C-alpha atoms as a PDB file:
ATOM      1  CA  MET A   1     -65.602  22.944-122.849  1.00  0.00           C
ATOM      2  CA  PHE A   2     -65.850  24.139-126.427  1.00  0.00           C
ATOM      3  CA  ASP A   3     -69.626  24.483-126.418  1.00  0.00           C
ATOM      4  CA  ARG A   4     -69.613  26.486-123.192  1.00  0.00           C
ATOM      5  CA  HIS A   5     -66.889  28.975-124.064  1.00  0.00           C
ATOM      6  CA  ALA A   6     -66.503  29.163-127.841  1.00  0.00           C
ATOM      7  CA  VAL A   7     -68.798  32.147-128.385  1.00  0.00           C
ATOM      8  CA  ALA A   8     -67.114  34.246-125.708  1.00  0.00           C
ATOM      9  CA  VAL A   9     -63.617  33.290-126.861  1.00  0.00           C
ATOM     10  CA  HIS A  10     -64.514  33.946-130.510  1.00  0.00           C
ATOM     11  CA  ARG A  11     -66.113  37.356-129.983  1.00  0.00           C
ATOM     12  CA  HIS A  12     -62.971  39.413-129.301  1.00  0.00           C
ATOM     13  CA  PRO A  13     -60.758  38.249-132.190  1.00  0.00           C
ATOM     14  CA  ALA A  14     -63.738  38.331-134.553  1.00  0.00           C
ATOM     15  CA  ARG A  15     -64.075  42.067-133.952  1.00  0.00           C
ATOM     16  CA  ARG A  16     -60.331  42.623-134.358  1.00  0.00           C
ATOM     17  CA  VAL A  17     -59.334  40.362-137.276  1.00  0.00           C
ATOM     18  CA  GLY A  18     -62.523  38.983-138.816  1.00  0.00           C
ATOM     19  CA  THR A  19     -64.415  35.744-138.413  1.00  0.00           C
ATOM     20  CA  VAL A  20     -62.231  33.475-140.558  1.00  0.00           C
ATOM     21  CA  VAL A  21     -59.065  34.145-138.554  1.00  0.00           C
ATOM     22  CA  ALA A  22     -61.092  34.211-135.328  1.00  0.00           C
ATOM     23  CA  ASP A  23     -62.293  30.665-136.047  1.00  0.00           C
ATOM     24  CA  ASP A  24     -58.687  29.441-136.142  1.00  0.00           C
ATOM     25  CA  LEU A  25     -57.708  31.453-133.065  1.00  0.00           C
ATOM     26  CA  THR A  26     -60.692  30.130-131.132  1.00  0.00           C
ATOM     27  CA  SER A  27     -59.859  26.530-131.965  1.00  0.00           C
ATOM     28  CA  GLU A  28     -56.226  27.024-130.996  1.00  0.00           C
ATOM     29  CA  ASN A  29     -57.195  28.745-127.753  1.00  0.00           C
ATOM     30  CA  ILE A  30     -59.663  26.037-126.716  1.00  0.00           C
ATOM     31  CA  LEU A  31     -57.181  23.262-127.573  1.00  0.00           C
ATOM     32  CA  SER A  32     -54.466  24.993-125.572  1.00  0.00           C
ATOM     33  CA  ALA A  33     -56.766  25.371-122.559  1.00  0.00           C
ATOM     34  CA  ARG A  34     -57.771  21.721-122.800  1.00  0.00           C
ATOM     35  CA  ARG A  35     -54.123  20.642-123.023  1.00  0.00           C
ATOM     36  CA  THR A  36     -53.211  22.747-119.981  1.00  0.00           C
ATOM     37  CA  ALA A  37     -56.134  21.391-117.948  1.00  0.00           C
ATOM     38  CA  THR A  38     -55.194  17.817-118.828  1.00  0.00           C
ATOM     39  CA  GLN A  39     -51.564  18.384-117.849  1.00  0.00           C
ATOM     40  CA  ALA A  40     -52.611  19.980-114.550  1.00  0.00           C
ATOM     41  CA  ALA A  41     -54.932  17.068-113.760  1.00  0.00           C
ATOM     42  CA  GLU A  42     -52.199  14.532-114.554  1.00  0.00           C
ATOM     43  CA  ARG A  43     -49.698  16.426-112.387  1.00  0.00           C
ATOM     44  CA  ALA A  44     -52.181  16.604-109.506  1.00  0.00           C
ATOM     45  CA  GLU A  45     -52.837  12.885-109.807  1.00  0.00           C
ATOM     46  CA  ARG A  46     -49.105  12.071-109.711  1.00  0.00           C
ATOM     47  CA  THR A  47     -48.277  14.348-106.794  1.00  0.00           C
ATOM     48  CA  GLY A  48     -51.501  14.148-104.807  1.00  0.00           C
ATOM     49  CA  GLU A  49     -51.982  17.906-105.030  1.00  0.00           C
ATOM     50  CA  GLY A  50     -55.480  19.231-105.136  1.00  0.00           C
ATOM     51  CA  ARG A  51     -56.957  16.434-103.084  1.00  0.00           C
ATOM     52  CA  CYS A  52     -59.308  17.546-100.366  1.00  0.00           C
ATOM     53  CA  PRO A  53     -59.877  15.407 -97.297  1.00  0.00           C
ATOM     54  CA  ARG A  54     -63.366  14.022 -97.008  1.00  0.00           C
ATOM     55  CA  ARG A  55     -65.559  15.728 -94.498  1.00  0.00           C
ATOM     56  CA  VAL A  56     -66.850  13.252 -91.976  1.00  0.00           C
ATOM     57  CA  GLY A  57     -70.531  13.582 -91.280  1.00  0.00           C
ATOM     58  CA  ALA A  58     -71.170  16.010 -94.121  1.00  0.00           C
ATOM     59  CA  GLY A  59     -74.284  15.352 -96.033  1.00  0.00           C
END
């Protein structure tokens, strides 16, 4: 996730507050997104949400 999105996430704060602070903000943002995605996946696994039925004959 970090490699794909770090440049885009870093660009905005770097222009506003400088690269040193933007580095910290980028790390915090990516970690927060990762944490949220993990929690959502765990919740979906517990509740069965997000599961799609298999399509018979697809392929």
